[in-house]
Amino acid sequence: MPKRDRPVAELTNIGPTIARRLRKVGIETRGDLDRVGPAKVFQRVCAEYPRETISVCYYLYSLEGALRDRHWDAIGAKQKARLREEAGID
């Protein structure tokens, strides 16, 4: 299976709850996540679940890590700051 076609549930950092929420906002594959981008996907999830606290590390950073195939905590401080800025956090 081409890398872009991998279902989100198979990506690094993406557990069943996040995968379900991603599918609900139209993100089915790694390619979808790459096309839309982690910050916009994070915003979609937050908009879809307005009454819930959506953790930045478990969503925004995890989405970036999923694209890079690395643990969310391995994303550098500069990249985390850029992601927060793109997502409108801070």
Protein backbone atom coordinates (compact mmCIF):
# COMPACT_ATOMS: atom_id res chain seq x y z
CA MET A 1 0.00 0.00 0.00
CA PRO A 2 1.44 3.40 -0.93
CA LYS A 3 2.40 5.52 2.07
CA ARG A 4 -0.19 8.22 1.24
CA ASP A 5 -2.99 5.64 1.22
CA ARG A 6 -2.29 4.31 4.72
CA PRO A 7 -5.38 4.66 6.93
CA VAL A 8 -4.94 7.14 9.77
CA ALA A 9 -5.46 4.37 12.33
CA GLU A 10 -2.17 2.78 11.17
CA LEU A 11 -0.07 5.93 11.65
CA THR A 12 2.34 6.63 14.49
CA ASN A 13 0.68 8.41 17.46
CA ILE A 14 -2.86 7.76 16.23
CA GLY A 15 -4.94 5.66 18.59
CA PRO A 16 -8.54 4.57 18.11
CA THR A 17 -10.14 7.72 19.55
CA ILE A 18 -8.04 10.11 17.48
CA ALA A 19 -8.53 7.96 14.35
CA ARG A 20 -12.30 7.98 14.84
CA ARG A 21 -12.32 11.75 15.30
CA LEU A 22 -10.11 12.27 12.26
CA ARG A 23 -12.43 10.20 10.10
CA LYS A 24 -15.37 12.23 11.40
CA VAL A 25 -13.73 15.44 10.09
CA GLY A 26 -12.89 13.89 6.71
CA ILE A 27 -9.34 12.67 7.32
CA GLU A 28 -9.22 9.02 6.28
CA THR A 29 -5.61 8.55 5.12
CA ARG A 30 -2.09 9.85 5.58
CA GLY A 31 -2.52 11.64 2.26
CA ASP A 32 -5.58 13.49 3.58
CA LEU A 33 -3.63 14.56 6.66
CA ASP A 34 -0.69 15.72 4.55
CA ARG A 35 -2.93 17.62 2.11
CA VAL A 36 -4.88 19.49 4.81
CA GLY A 37 -2.00 19.83 7.28
CA PRO A 38 -1.81 19.15 11.02
CA ALA A 39 -2.83 22.67 12.13
CA LYS A 40 -6.01 22.78 10.03
CA VAL A 41 -6.92 19.22 10.99
CA PHE A 42 -6.45 20.15 14.66
CA GLN A 43 -8.79 23.13 14.12
CA ARG A 44 -11.38 20.86 12.48
CA VAL A 45 -11.29 18.44 15.40
CA CYS A 46 -11.61 21.28 17.93
CA ALA A 47 -14.59 22.70 15.99
CA GLU A 48 -16.25 19.28 15.83
CA TYR A 49 -15.86 18.74 19.60
CA PRO A 50 -16.35 22.23 21.10
CA ARG A 51 -17.29 20.97 24.57
CA GLU A 52 -14.16 18.87 24.96
CA THR A 53 -10.63 19.86 25.81
CA ILE A 54 -8.50 18.76 22.87
CA SER A 55 -4.94 18.29 24.07
CA VAL A 56 -2.34 20.04 21.94
CA CYS A 57 0.26 17.35 22.50
CA TYR A 58 -2.07 14.44 21.81
CA TYR A 59 -3.60 16.00 18.73
CA LEU A 60 -1.60 18.79 17.10
CA TYR A 61 1.84 17.35 17.80
CA SER A 62 0.66 13.79 17.23
CA LEU A 63 -0.62 14.72 13.79
CA GLU A 64 2.75 16.20 12.85
CA GLY A 65 4.48 13.14 14.26
CA ALA A 66 2.17 10.89 12.24
CA LEU A 67 3.36 12.58 9.04
CA ARG A 68 7.00 12.21 10.11
CA ASP A 69 6.55 8.69 11.52
CA ARG A 70 7.94 9.72 14.91
CA HIS A 71 6.65 10.11 18.45
CA TRP A 72 4.94 13.45 19.07
CA ASP A 73 7.46 14.36 21.77
CA ALA A 74 10.31 14.08 19.26
CA ILE A 75 9.01 17.10 17.37
CA GLY A 76 11.42 19.96 18.07
CA ALA A 77 10.52 23.11 19.99
CA LYS A 78 10.66 25.30 16.86
CA GLN A 79 8.31 22.98 15.00
CA LYS A 80 5.93 22.85 17.95
CA ALA A 81 5.91 26.65 18.12
CA ARG A 82 5.22 26.88 14.37
CA LEU A 83 2.36 24.38 14.66
CA ARG A 84 0.80 26.31 17.56
CA GLU A 85 1.04 29.53 15.57
CA GLU A 86 -0.54 27.93 12.49
CA ALA A 87 -3.34 26.50 14.64
CA GLY A 88 -3.96 29.86 16.34
CA ILE A 89 -2.80 28.72 19.77
CA ASP A 90 -0.89 31.13 22.08
